[in-house]
N, C-alpha and C. Protein backbone atom coordinates (compact mmCIF):
# COMPACT_ATOMS: atom_id res chain seq x y z
N MET A 1 -50.24 -39.51 4.02
CA MET A 1 -51.04 -39.18 5.17
C MET A 1 -50.12 -39.00 6.38
N LEU A 2 -50.38 -37.94 7.19
CA LEU A 2 -49.58 -37.65 8.38
C LEU A 2 -49.92 -38.62 9.50
N LYS A 3 -48.86 -39.03 10.19
CA LYS A 3 -49.05 -39.95 11.31
C LYS A 3 -49.28 -39.15 12.59
N ARG A 4 -50.28 -39.48 13.35
CA ARG A 4 -50.58 -38.80 14.61
C ARG A 4 -49.80 -39.42 15.76
N PHE A 5 -49.28 -38.53 16.61
CA PHE A 5 -48.58 -39.01 17.81
C PHE A 5 -49.58 -39.10 18.96
N ASN A 6 -49.32 -40.01 19.86
CA ASN A 6 -50.20 -40.20 21.01
C ASN A 6 -49.85 -39.18 22.09
N ASP A 7 -50.69 -38.19 22.34
CA ASP A 7 -50.49 -37.17 23.37
C ASP A 7 -51.13 -37.63 24.67
N ARG A 8 -50.48 -38.52 25.37
CA ARG A 8 -51.07 -39.04 26.60
C ARG A 8 -50.54 -38.35 27.85
N GLY A 9 -49.50 -37.43 27.76
CA GLY A 9 -48.98 -36.73 28.92
C GLY A 9 -47.99 -37.57 29.71
N MET A 10 -47.77 -37.20 30.98
CA MET A 10 -46.82 -37.90 31.84
C MET A 10 -47.54 -38.98 32.64
N SER A 11 -46.85 -40.06 32.85
CA SER A 11 -47.43 -41.10 33.69
C SER A 11 -47.22 -40.74 35.16
N LEU A 12 -47.89 -41.41 36.04
CA LEU A 12 -47.78 -41.16 37.48
C LEU A 12 -46.37 -41.44 37.98
N ILE A 13 -45.72 -42.45 37.46
CA ILE A 13 -44.37 -42.80 37.88
C ILE A 13 -43.39 -41.70 37.47
N GLU A 14 -43.51 -41.18 36.25
CA GLU A 14 -42.64 -40.10 35.82
C GLU A 14 -42.82 -38.85 36.69
N LEU A 15 -44.04 -38.56 37.03
CA LEU A 15 -44.33 -37.40 37.88
C LEU A 15 -43.72 -37.58 39.28
N MET A 16 -43.82 -38.78 39.82
CA MET A 16 -43.25 -39.06 41.14
C MET A 16 -41.72 -38.96 41.13
N VAL A 17 -41.08 -39.39 40.04
CA VAL A 17 -39.62 -39.28 39.93
C VAL A 17 -39.20 -37.80 39.95
N VAL A 18 -39.94 -36.96 39.23
CA VAL A 18 -39.63 -35.53 39.22
C VAL A 18 -39.80 -34.94 40.61
N VAL A 19 -40.87 -35.30 41.32
CA VAL A 19 -41.10 -34.79 42.68
C VAL A 19 -39.98 -35.24 43.62
N VAL A 20 -39.52 -36.47 43.52
CA VAL A 20 -38.45 -36.97 44.37
C VAL A 20 -37.14 -36.23 44.08
N ILE A 21 -36.83 -35.96 42.82
CA ILE A 21 -35.61 -35.23 42.46
C ILE A 21 -35.65 -33.81 43.04
N ILE A 22 -36.79 -33.15 42.92
CA ILE A 22 -36.91 -31.80 43.48
C ILE A 22 -36.76 -31.83 45.00
N GLY A 23 -37.33 -32.83 45.66
CA GLY A 23 -37.21 -32.96 47.11
C GLY A 23 -35.77 -33.18 47.56
N VAL A 24 -35.03 -34.02 46.84
CA VAL A 24 -33.63 -34.27 47.18
C VAL A 24 -32.80 -33.00 47.01
N LEU A 25 -33.01 -32.27 45.90
CA LEU A 25 -32.28 -31.02 45.69
C LEU A 25 -32.59 -29.99 46.77
N ALA A 26 -33.85 -29.91 47.18
CA ALA A 26 -34.24 -28.96 48.24
C ALA A 26 -33.59 -29.34 49.57
N ALA A 27 -33.55 -30.64 49.89
CA ALA A 27 -32.94 -31.09 51.14
C ALA A 27 -31.44 -30.81 51.17
N VAL A 28 -30.79 -30.94 50.03
CA VAL A 28 -29.35 -30.68 49.97
C VAL A 28 -29.07 -29.18 50.08
N ALA A 29 -29.91 -28.35 49.48
CA ALA A 29 -29.67 -26.91 49.44
C ALA A 29 -30.08 -26.19 50.72
N MET A 30 -30.97 -26.76 51.52
CA MET A 30 -31.52 -26.07 52.69
C MET A 30 -30.45 -25.63 53.70
N PRO A 31 -29.47 -26.46 54.07
CA PRO A 31 -28.45 -25.98 55.03
C PRO A 31 -27.66 -24.78 54.52
N TYR A 32 -27.43 -24.71 53.22
CA TYR A 32 -26.70 -23.57 52.66
C TYR A 32 -27.51 -22.30 52.79
N PHE A 33 -28.82 -22.39 52.57
CA PHE A 33 -29.67 -21.22 52.73
C PHE A 33 -29.69 -20.76 54.19
N GLY A 34 -29.75 -21.70 55.14
CA GLY A 34 -29.74 -21.36 56.56
C GLY A 34 -28.44 -20.72 56.99
N ARG A 35 -27.32 -21.24 56.48
CA ARG A 35 -26.01 -20.69 56.83
C ARG A 35 -25.86 -19.27 56.28
N ASP A 36 -26.34 -19.05 55.07
CA ASP A 36 -26.27 -17.70 54.50
C ASP A 36 -27.11 -16.73 55.30
N ARG A 37 -28.26 -17.17 55.78
CA ARG A 37 -29.12 -16.30 56.58
C ARG A 37 -28.43 -15.93 57.89
N LYS A 38 -27.78 -16.92 58.54
CA LYS A 38 -27.09 -16.64 59.80
C LYS A 38 -25.91 -15.71 59.60
N ALA A 39 -25.18 -15.89 58.49
CA ALA A 39 -24.07 -14.98 58.20
C ALA A 39 -24.59 -13.58 57.91
N ARG A 40 -25.70 -13.50 57.23
CA ARG A 40 -26.29 -12.20 56.89
C ARG A 40 -26.75 -11.46 58.15
N GLU A 41 -27.25 -12.20 59.16
CA GLU A 41 -27.71 -11.56 60.40
C GLU A 41 -26.56 -10.87 61.12
N GLY A 42 -25.36 -11.46 61.10
CA GLY A 42 -24.21 -10.82 61.73
C GLY A 42 -23.80 -9.54 61.03
N SER A 43 -23.77 -9.59 59.71
CA SER A 43 -23.39 -8.38 58.97
C SER A 43 -24.46 -7.30 59.10
N GLU A 44 -25.73 -7.70 59.17
CA GLU A 44 -26.80 -6.72 59.35
C GLU A 44 -26.69 -6.03 60.70
N PHE A 45 -26.38 -6.78 61.76
CA PHE A 45 -26.25 -6.17 63.08
C PHE A 45 -25.08 -5.18 63.10
N ALA A 46 -23.94 -5.59 62.53
CA ALA A 46 -22.78 -4.69 62.50
C ALA A 46 -23.09 -3.43 61.69
N ARG A 47 -23.79 -3.59 60.59
CA ARG A 47 -24.14 -2.44 59.75
C ARG A 47 -25.12 -1.52 60.49
N GLU A 48 -26.11 -2.12 61.17
CA GLU A 48 -27.08 -1.31 61.93
C GLU A 48 -26.41 -0.59 63.09
N LEU A 49 -25.46 -1.24 63.75
CA LEU A 49 -24.75 -0.60 64.86
C LEU A 49 -23.94 0.59 64.36
N ALA A 50 -23.22 0.41 63.25
CA ALA A 50 -22.46 1.52 62.69
C ALA A 50 -23.39 2.66 62.29
N ARG A 51 -24.51 2.33 61.70
CA ARG A 51 -25.47 3.37 61.28
C ARG A 51 -26.05 4.10 62.48
N ASP A 52 -26.40 3.36 63.55
CA ASP A 52 -26.99 3.99 64.74
C ASP A 52 -25.98 4.86 65.49
N LEU A 53 -24.71 4.45 65.50
CA LEU A 53 -23.68 5.28 66.12
C LEU A 53 -23.51 6.58 65.34
N GLN A 54 -23.50 6.49 64.02
CA GLN A 54 -23.39 7.69 63.20
C GLN A 54 -24.63 8.57 63.38
N ARG A 55 -25.77 7.94 63.53
CA ARG A 55 -27.02 8.69 63.75
C ARG A 55 -26.97 9.42 65.10
N ALA A 56 -26.44 8.76 66.14
CA ALA A 56 -26.33 9.39 67.46
C ALA A 56 -25.42 10.60 67.38
N ARG A 57 -24.33 10.49 66.65
CA ARG A 57 -23.42 11.63 66.46
C ARG A 57 -24.15 12.80 65.79
N SER A 58 -24.86 12.50 64.71
CA SER A 58 -25.59 13.56 63.99
C SER A 58 -26.68 14.18 64.84
N GLN A 59 -27.36 13.35 65.63
CA GLN A 59 -28.43 13.85 66.49
C GLN A 59 -27.88 14.74 67.60
N ALA A 60 -26.73 14.37 68.15
CA ALA A 60 -26.12 15.20 69.20
C ALA A 60 -25.74 16.57 68.66
N ILE A 61 -25.25 16.61 67.43
CA ILE A 61 -24.90 17.90 66.82
C ILE A 61 -26.16 18.71 66.53
N ALA A 62 -27.16 18.06 65.95
CA ALA A 62 -28.37 18.78 65.52
C ALA A 62 -29.17 19.30 66.71
N GLU A 63 -29.28 18.51 67.77
CA GLU A 63 -30.10 18.90 68.92
C GLU A 63 -29.29 19.65 69.98
N ARG A 64 -27.96 19.76 69.76
CA ARG A 64 -27.07 20.43 70.70
C ARG A 64 -27.22 19.86 72.11
N LEU A 65 -27.31 18.53 72.18
CA LEU A 65 -27.45 17.82 73.44
C LEU A 65 -26.71 16.49 73.30
N PRO A 66 -25.72 16.22 74.15
CA PRO A 66 -24.95 14.97 74.00
C PRO A 66 -25.82 13.72 74.13
N ILE A 67 -25.34 12.64 73.54
CA ILE A 67 -26.01 11.34 73.62
C ILE A 67 -25.02 10.33 74.14
N ARG A 68 -25.46 9.55 75.14
CA ARG A 68 -24.62 8.50 75.70
C ARG A 68 -25.07 7.15 75.16
N THR A 69 -24.08 6.33 74.84
CA THR A 69 -24.31 4.99 74.32
C THR A 69 -23.87 3.98 75.37
N PHE A 70 -24.77 3.10 75.78
CA PHE A 70 -24.47 2.03 76.73
C PHE A 70 -24.35 0.74 75.93
N ILE A 71 -23.18 0.10 75.98
CA ILE A 71 -22.93 -1.08 75.16
C ILE A 71 -22.88 -2.32 76.04
N TYR A 72 -23.78 -3.25 75.78
CA TYR A 72 -23.83 -4.56 76.42
C TYR A 72 -23.41 -5.60 75.38
N SER A 73 -23.30 -6.84 75.78
CA SER A 73 -22.94 -7.86 74.80
C SER A 73 -24.08 -8.17 73.84
N ASP A 74 -25.33 -7.98 74.29
CA ASP A 74 -26.48 -8.36 73.45
C ASP A 74 -27.29 -7.18 72.95
N ARG A 75 -26.92 -5.95 73.32
CA ARG A 75 -27.70 -4.79 72.90
C ARG A 75 -26.88 -3.51 73.08
N VAL A 76 -27.32 -2.48 72.39
CA VAL A 76 -26.72 -1.16 72.52
C VAL A 76 -27.87 -0.18 72.74
N VAL A 77 -27.76 0.62 73.81
CA VAL A 77 -28.84 1.52 74.21
C VAL A 77 -28.35 2.96 74.04
N PHE A 78 -29.18 3.79 73.42
CA PHE A 78 -28.86 5.20 73.20
C PHE A 78 -29.80 6.05 74.04
N ILE A 79 -29.22 6.91 74.91
CA ILE A 79 -30.01 7.78 75.78
C ILE A 79 -29.44 9.19 75.69
N SER A 80 -30.32 10.17 75.56
CA SER A 80 -29.90 11.56 75.46
C SER A 80 -29.66 12.15 76.85
N TYR A 81 -28.75 13.07 76.93
CA TYR A 81 -28.57 13.85 78.16
C TYR A 81 -29.86 14.63 78.42
N THR A 82 -30.06 15.04 79.68
CA THR A 82 -31.21 15.89 79.99
C THR A 82 -30.73 17.33 80.14
N ILE A 83 -31.59 18.23 79.74
CA ILE A 83 -31.26 19.66 79.78
C ILE A 83 -31.13 20.09 81.24
N GLY A 84 -30.17 20.99 81.49
CA GLY A 84 -29.95 21.50 82.85
C GLY A 84 -31.14 22.28 83.37
N ALA A 85 -31.19 22.46 84.68
CA ALA A 85 -32.31 23.15 85.33
C ALA A 85 -32.40 24.61 84.92
N THR A 86 -31.26 25.22 84.65
CA THR A 86 -31.23 26.61 84.20
C THR A 86 -30.52 26.66 82.86
N PRO A 87 -30.70 27.73 82.11
CA PRO A 87 -30.02 27.83 80.81
C PRO A 87 -28.49 27.75 80.91
N ALA A 88 -27.93 28.20 82.02
CA ALA A 88 -26.48 28.16 82.18
C ALA A 88 -25.98 26.82 82.70
N ALA A 89 -26.87 25.99 83.21
CA ALA A 89 -26.47 24.71 83.80
C ALA A 89 -26.09 23.71 82.70
N ALA A 90 -25.10 22.88 83.02
CA ALA A 90 -24.66 21.85 82.07
C ALA A 90 -25.69 20.73 81.99
N PRO A 91 -25.82 20.09 80.84
CA PRO A 91 -26.75 18.95 80.73
C PRO A 91 -26.33 17.82 81.67
N THR A 92 -27.33 17.06 82.13
CA THR A 92 -27.08 15.97 83.07
C THR A 92 -26.88 14.67 82.30
N ALA A 93 -25.80 13.95 82.66
CA ALA A 93 -25.51 12.67 82.00
C ALA A 93 -26.54 11.63 82.38
N PRO A 94 -26.96 10.81 81.43
CA PRO A 94 -27.95 9.77 81.74
C PRO A 94 -27.30 8.56 82.42
N THR A 95 -28.14 7.79 83.08
CA THR A 95 -27.73 6.49 83.63
C THR A 95 -28.54 5.43 82.90
N THR A 96 -28.26 4.17 83.21
CA THR A 96 -29.00 3.10 82.54
C THR A 96 -30.47 3.09 82.95
N ALA A 97 -30.80 3.74 84.07
CA ALA A 97 -32.20 3.80 84.51
C ALA A 97 -32.94 5.01 83.94
N THR A 98 -32.21 5.89 83.25
CA THR A 98 -32.81 7.09 82.70
C THR A 98 -33.80 6.76 81.58
N VAL A 99 -34.92 7.43 81.62
CA VAL A 99 -35.89 7.30 80.53
C VAL A 99 -36.20 8.70 80.04
N PRO A 100 -36.60 8.89 78.82
CA PRO A 100 -36.84 7.83 77.84
C PRO A 100 -35.57 7.43 77.10
N VAL A 101 -35.59 6.21 76.63
CA VAL A 101 -34.50 5.69 75.81
C VAL A 101 -34.77 6.10 74.37
N LEU A 102 -33.76 6.62 73.70
CA LEU A 102 -33.94 7.02 72.30
C LEU A 102 -34.11 5.79 71.41
N ARG A 103 -33.17 4.86 71.53
CA ARG A 103 -33.19 3.65 70.71
C ARG A 103 -32.50 2.53 71.45
N THR A 104 -32.90 1.30 71.13
CA THR A 104 -32.21 0.11 71.61
C THR A 104 -32.01 -0.81 70.41
N LEU A 105 -30.77 -1.15 70.15
CA LEU A 105 -30.45 -2.08 69.07
C LEU A 105 -30.15 -3.43 69.68
N MET A 106 -31.01 -4.41 69.40
CA MET A 106 -30.86 -5.75 69.95
C MET A 106 -30.12 -6.66 68.96
N ALA A 107 -29.21 -7.47 69.49
CA ALA A 107 -28.52 -8.46 68.66
C ALA A 107 -29.33 -9.75 68.64
N ARG A 108 -29.28 -10.45 67.54
CA ARG A 108 -29.95 -11.75 67.45
C ARG A 108 -29.16 -12.78 68.25
N PRO A 109 -29.80 -13.90 68.62
CA PRO A 109 -29.08 -14.93 69.38
C PRO A 109 -27.83 -15.40 68.62
N GLY A 110 -26.74 -15.55 69.36
CA GLY A 110 -25.48 -15.99 68.76
C GLY A 110 -24.59 -14.85 68.30
N ILE A 111 -25.12 -13.64 68.24
CA ILE A 111 -24.33 -12.47 67.81
C ILE A 111 -24.06 -11.63 69.05
N ALA A 112 -22.80 -11.26 69.26
CA ALA A 112 -22.45 -10.53 70.48
C ALA A 112 -21.45 -9.43 70.20
N VAL A 113 -21.59 -8.35 70.96
CA VAL A 113 -20.54 -7.33 70.99
C VAL A 113 -19.48 -7.88 71.93
N TRP A 114 -18.31 -8.17 71.40
CA TRP A 114 -17.27 -8.89 72.14
C TRP A 114 -16.56 -7.98 73.13
N ASN A 115 -16.16 -6.80 72.66
CA ASN A 115 -15.43 -5.87 73.52
C ASN A 115 -15.32 -4.53 72.81
N VAL A 116 -14.94 -3.51 73.53
CA VAL A 116 -14.64 -2.20 72.97
C VAL A 116 -13.27 -1.80 73.51
N LEU A 117 -12.34 -1.53 72.60
CA LEU A 117 -10.98 -1.19 72.99
C LEU A 117 -10.54 0.07 72.28
N ASN A 118 -9.45 0.66 72.79
CA ASN A 118 -8.91 1.82 72.09
C ASN A 118 -8.03 1.35 70.94
N ALA A 119 -7.58 2.28 70.14
CA ALA A 119 -6.88 1.93 68.90
C ALA A 119 -5.55 1.22 69.14
N SER A 120 -4.93 1.40 70.30
CA SER A 120 -3.62 0.79 70.54
C SER A 120 -3.72 -0.64 71.05
N ALA A 121 -4.92 -1.11 71.38
CA ALA A 121 -5.08 -2.45 71.94
C ALA A 121 -5.10 -3.50 70.83
N THR A 122 -4.76 -4.73 71.20
CA THR A 122 -4.83 -5.85 70.25
C THR A 122 -6.24 -6.43 70.30
N PRO A 123 -6.67 -7.15 69.25
CA PRO A 123 -8.02 -7.73 69.25
C PRO A 123 -8.24 -8.63 70.45
N PRO A 124 -9.44 -8.63 71.00
CA PRO A 124 -9.71 -9.41 72.21
C PRO A 124 -9.73 -10.91 71.93
N GLY A 125 -9.37 -11.69 72.96
CA GLY A 125 -9.42 -13.14 72.81
C GLY A 125 -10.75 -13.71 73.26
N ALA A 126 -11.20 -13.35 74.43
CA ALA A 126 -12.45 -13.87 74.99
C ALA A 126 -13.44 -12.73 75.15
N VAL A 127 -14.72 -13.10 75.18
CA VAL A 127 -15.76 -12.09 75.35
C VAL A 127 -15.60 -11.42 76.71
N VAL A 128 -15.75 -10.11 76.75
CA VAL A 128 -15.58 -9.35 77.97
C VAL A 128 -16.90 -8.76 78.44
N LEU A 129 -17.71 -8.31 77.52
CA LEU A 129 -18.96 -7.66 77.88
C LEU A 129 -20.00 -8.69 78.33
N ASN A 130 -21.00 -8.21 79.07
CA ASN A 130 -22.07 -9.09 79.52
C ASN A 130 -23.42 -8.43 79.25
N THR A 131 -24.49 -9.11 79.65
CA THR A 131 -25.84 -8.60 79.37
C THR A 131 -26.44 -7.84 80.55
N SER A 132 -25.75 -7.81 81.70
CA SER A 132 -26.37 -7.20 82.88
C SER A 132 -25.85 -5.81 83.21
N SER A 133 -24.60 -5.51 82.87
CA SER A 133 -24.07 -4.18 83.19
C SER A 133 -23.39 -3.59 81.96
N ALA A 134 -23.57 -2.29 81.79
CA ALA A 134 -22.96 -1.60 80.65
C ALA A 134 -21.53 -1.23 81.02
N LEU A 135 -20.60 -2.13 80.71
CA LEU A 135 -19.20 -1.89 81.05
C LEU A 135 -18.59 -0.83 80.14
N VAL A 136 -19.19 -0.63 78.98
CA VAL A 136 -18.69 0.37 78.04
C VAL A 136 -19.74 1.45 77.84
N GLN A 137 -19.30 2.68 78.00
CA GLN A 137 -20.17 3.83 77.75
C GLN A 137 -19.38 4.83 76.92
N MET A 138 -20.01 5.35 75.90
CA MET A 138 -19.37 6.39 75.10
C MET A 138 -20.35 7.51 74.84
N ASP A 139 -19.82 8.71 74.81
CA ASP A 139 -20.64 9.90 74.56
C ASP A 139 -20.32 10.48 73.19
N PHE A 140 -21.35 10.99 72.54
CA PHE A 140 -21.18 11.83 71.37
C PHE A 140 -21.59 13.23 71.80
N ASN A 141 -20.63 14.17 71.77
CA ASN A 141 -20.93 15.51 72.24
C ASN A 141 -21.47 16.39 71.12
N THR A 142 -21.76 17.63 71.45
CA THR A 142 -22.42 18.52 70.49
C THR A 142 -21.48 18.97 69.37
N LEU A 143 -20.20 18.68 69.48
CA LEU A 143 -19.25 18.96 68.40
C LEU A 143 -19.08 17.75 67.49
N GLY A 144 -19.75 16.66 67.79
CA GLY A 144 -19.64 15.44 67.00
C GLY A 144 -18.49 14.55 67.41
N GLN A 145 -17.82 14.88 68.51
CA GLN A 145 -16.70 14.07 68.97
C GLN A 145 -17.20 12.91 69.83
N MET A 146 -16.42 11.83 69.84
CA MET A 146 -16.75 10.67 70.65
C MET A 146 -15.80 10.62 71.84
N VAL A 147 -16.36 10.46 73.04
CA VAL A 147 -15.58 10.39 74.27
C VAL A 147 -15.89 9.06 74.94
N LEU A 148 -14.86 8.25 75.16
CA LEU A 148 -15.06 7.01 75.91
C LEU A 148 -15.21 7.37 77.39
N VAL A 149 -16.34 6.97 77.96
CA VAL A 149 -16.60 7.27 79.38
C VAL A 149 -16.05 6.15 80.25
N SER A 150 -16.30 4.90 79.85
CA SER A 150 -15.78 3.76 80.61
C SER A 150 -15.64 2.56 79.70
N THR A 151 -14.57 1.79 79.92
CA THR A 151 -14.36 0.50 79.25
C THR A 151 -13.68 -0.43 80.23
N PRO A 152 -13.81 -1.75 80.05
CA PRO A 152 -13.12 -2.68 80.96
C PRO A 152 -11.61 -2.55 80.88
N ALA A 153 -11.07 -2.30 79.68
CA ALA A 153 -9.62 -2.23 79.52
C ALA A 153 -9.06 -0.89 79.98
N LEU A 154 -9.86 0.14 79.93
CA LEU A 154 -9.40 1.47 80.31
C LEU A 154 -10.28 2.02 81.43
N PRO A 155 -9.92 1.79 82.70
CA PRO A 155 -10.77 2.29 83.79
C PRO A 155 -10.96 3.80 83.74
N THR A 156 -9.90 4.51 83.36
CA THR A 156 -10.01 5.97 83.20
C THR A 156 -9.45 6.32 81.83
N PRO A 157 -10.26 6.16 80.80
CA PRO A 157 -9.75 6.41 79.45
C PRO A 157 -9.47 7.88 79.22
N PRO A 158 -8.60 8.18 78.28
CA PRO A 158 -8.38 9.58 77.93
C PRO A 158 -9.67 10.20 77.43
N ALA A 159 -9.74 11.51 77.48
CA ALA A 159 -10.96 12.21 77.09
C ALA A 159 -11.34 11.90 75.65
N LEU A 160 -10.36 11.94 74.76
CA LEU A 160 -10.62 11.67 73.35
C LEU A 160 -9.69 10.56 72.88
N THR A 161 -10.24 9.41 72.62
CA THR A 161 -9.45 8.29 72.11
C THR A 161 -10.32 7.50 71.14
N PRO A 162 -9.77 7.05 70.02
CA PRO A 162 -10.58 6.25 69.10
C PRO A 162 -10.99 4.93 69.74
N ALA A 163 -12.08 4.39 69.27
CA ALA A 163 -12.58 3.13 69.83
C ALA A 163 -12.81 2.12 68.72
N PHE A 164 -12.49 0.86 69.01
CA PHE A 164 -12.78 -0.26 68.13
C PHE A 164 -13.85 -1.11 68.83
N ILE A 165 -14.98 -1.31 68.18
CA ILE A 165 -16.05 -2.14 68.72
C ILE A 165 -16.00 -3.47 67.98
N TYR A 166 -15.78 -4.54 68.72
CA TYR A 166 -15.63 -5.87 68.12
C TYR A 166 -16.95 -6.64 68.23
N VAL A 167 -17.43 -7.13 67.09
CA VAL A 167 -18.69 -7.88 67.02
C VAL A 167 -18.38 -9.26 66.45
N ARG A 168 -18.91 -10.30 67.08
CA ARG A 168 -18.69 -11.66 66.59
C ARG A 168 -20.02 -12.35 66.35
N ASN A 169 -20.09 -13.03 65.21
CA ASN A 169 -21.25 -13.85 64.86
C ASN A 169 -20.91 -15.30 65.19
N GLY A 170 -21.39 -15.79 66.33
CA GLY A 170 -21.11 -17.15 66.75
C GLY A 170 -21.93 -18.21 66.06
N ASN A 171 -22.81 -17.81 65.15
CA ASN A 171 -23.66 -18.77 64.44
C ASN A 171 -22.99 -19.37 63.22
N VAL A 172 -21.79 -18.91 62.89
CA VAL A 172 -21.08 -19.44 61.72
C VAL A 172 -19.76 -20.04 62.19
N PRO A 173 -19.15 -20.93 61.38
CA PRO A 173 -17.88 -21.56 61.79
C PRO A 173 -16.76 -20.53 61.97
N ALA A 174 -15.72 -20.95 62.68
CA ALA A 174 -14.61 -20.05 63.00
C ALA A 174 -13.89 -19.54 61.76
N ASN A 175 -13.85 -20.32 60.69
CA ASN A 175 -13.14 -19.89 59.48
C ASN A 175 -14.04 -19.17 58.48
N HIS A 176 -15.26 -18.87 58.85
CA HIS A 176 -16.21 -18.21 57.95
C HIS A 176 -15.81 -16.74 57.78
N PRO A 177 -15.85 -16.21 56.56
CA PRO A 177 -15.45 -14.81 56.35
C PRO A 177 -16.38 -13.79 57.00
N ASP A 178 -17.60 -14.19 57.34
CA ASP A 178 -18.56 -13.27 57.95
C ASP A 178 -18.70 -13.49 59.46
N ARG A 179 -17.63 -13.93 60.10
CA ARG A 179 -17.70 -14.21 61.55
C ARG A 179 -17.41 -12.97 62.39
N ASP A 180 -16.40 -12.20 62.03
CA ASP A 180 -15.95 -11.08 62.85
C ASP A 180 -16.11 -9.76 62.12
N TYR A 181 -16.53 -8.74 62.88
CA TYR A 181 -16.67 -7.38 62.36
C TYR A 181 -16.06 -6.43 63.38
N ARG A 182 -15.56 -5.33 62.88
CA ARG A 182 -15.02 -4.29 63.75
C ARG A 182 -15.59 -2.96 63.30
N ILE A 183 -16.06 -2.18 64.26
CA ILE A 183 -16.59 -0.86 63.96
C ILE A 183 -15.65 0.15 64.60
N ASP A 184 -15.09 1.01 63.76
CA ASP A 184 -14.14 2.01 64.21
C ASP A 184 -14.86 3.34 64.41
N VAL A 185 -14.62 3.97 65.56
CA VAL A 185 -15.18 5.29 65.85
C VAL A 185 -14.02 6.21 66.18
N THR A 186 -13.83 7.22 65.33
CA THR A 186 -12.76 8.17 65.59
C THR A 186 -13.17 9.11 66.72
N ALA A 187 -12.18 9.70 67.37
CA ALA A 187 -12.47 10.54 68.53
C ALA A 187 -12.80 11.98 68.13
N LEU A 188 -11.94 12.61 67.37
CA LEU A 188 -12.10 14.04 67.08
C LEU A 188 -13.30 14.33 66.19
N SER A 189 -13.56 13.45 65.23
CA SER A 189 -14.68 13.71 64.31
C SER A 189 -15.89 12.84 64.61
N GLY A 190 -15.72 11.77 65.39
CA GLY A 190 -16.83 10.86 65.67
C GLY A 190 -17.25 10.06 64.46
N PHE A 191 -16.40 10.00 63.43
CA PHE A 191 -16.74 9.29 62.20
C PHE A 191 -16.74 7.79 62.45
N VAL A 192 -17.74 7.08 61.91
CA VAL A 192 -17.93 5.64 62.15
C VAL A 192 -17.73 4.89 60.85
N THR A 193 -16.90 3.83 60.88
CA THR A 193 -16.72 2.96 59.73
C THR A 193 -16.78 1.51 60.17
N GLN A 194 -17.23 0.65 59.26
CA GLN A 194 -17.32 -0.78 59.55
C GLN A 194 -16.23 -1.52 58.80
N GLN A 195 -15.50 -2.39 59.53
CA GLN A 195 -14.47 -3.24 58.93
C GLN A 195 -14.97 -4.68 58.94
N LEU A 196 -14.48 -5.50 58.00
CA LEU A 196 -14.93 -6.88 57.90
C LEU A 196 -14.04 -7.85 58.66
N VAL A 197 -12.98 -7.36 59.27
CA VAL A 197 -12.09 -8.22 60.06
C VAL A 197 -11.73 -7.50 61.35
N TRP A 198 -11.21 -8.25 62.33
CA TRP A 198 -10.82 -7.66 63.60
C TRP A 198 -9.47 -6.97 63.52
N ASN A 199 -8.55 -7.50 62.71
CA ASN A 199 -7.20 -6.94 62.65
C ASN A 199 -7.14 -5.72 61.76
C-alpha cells in the first residue's frame, strides 16, 4: 500500500522568513538601481544634445535658414533666424528674447553643460556657464557649417572653429565612468559626435 504524504503547505513562519529575505535583498539592491538611473540620465542628456545639434544642422540646410543655439548650463535653446524684409535682405539673427523657440533641451538636476571650448583648449576645471545668460552661442548655417558666435574663452572666435561641449553629471561619484561627456562639433561640416570622456 502506498503511503500518503501530508500536503499541508507552508507555515506562517516559513512565509514570513521568505518575505523578510526578499525585503533585505530589495533594500540592498535599491541604491544600485538609483545610481544606475542617475548615470543613465547624464548619458541620455548628452545623447539628446548631440542629436538636437545634428538636427539643427539638418534643419538649417533643409529650410535654407540658419539656426542659432544658445547654450546655458542647464538648458540649450534653438532659435531660427528670421527671414529678411525683402528677398535680397539677409536673415536676421535671433536673440534670447526672439520667439518662437524651435526647441529647448532641459538638463535634469545635477547635470550641467560645463563649458564650450575650441579644439585647441584643454578640458575645463570649473564650471563656466550659468543659467541666466547665454555665454555660448553657435550658428548652423545653410551650408551645414557651425560658426561659434561667442564663448567665454574666445571673445572673438574665428569664423569657423571646431567646438567641444563639455557635459558633467554631478549625480555620480568623481570616479564613475558615466560622469563626463564631450560633444564634438566640427566647423566645416557641422558633424556632431559624442565622446565618453573629456580628454
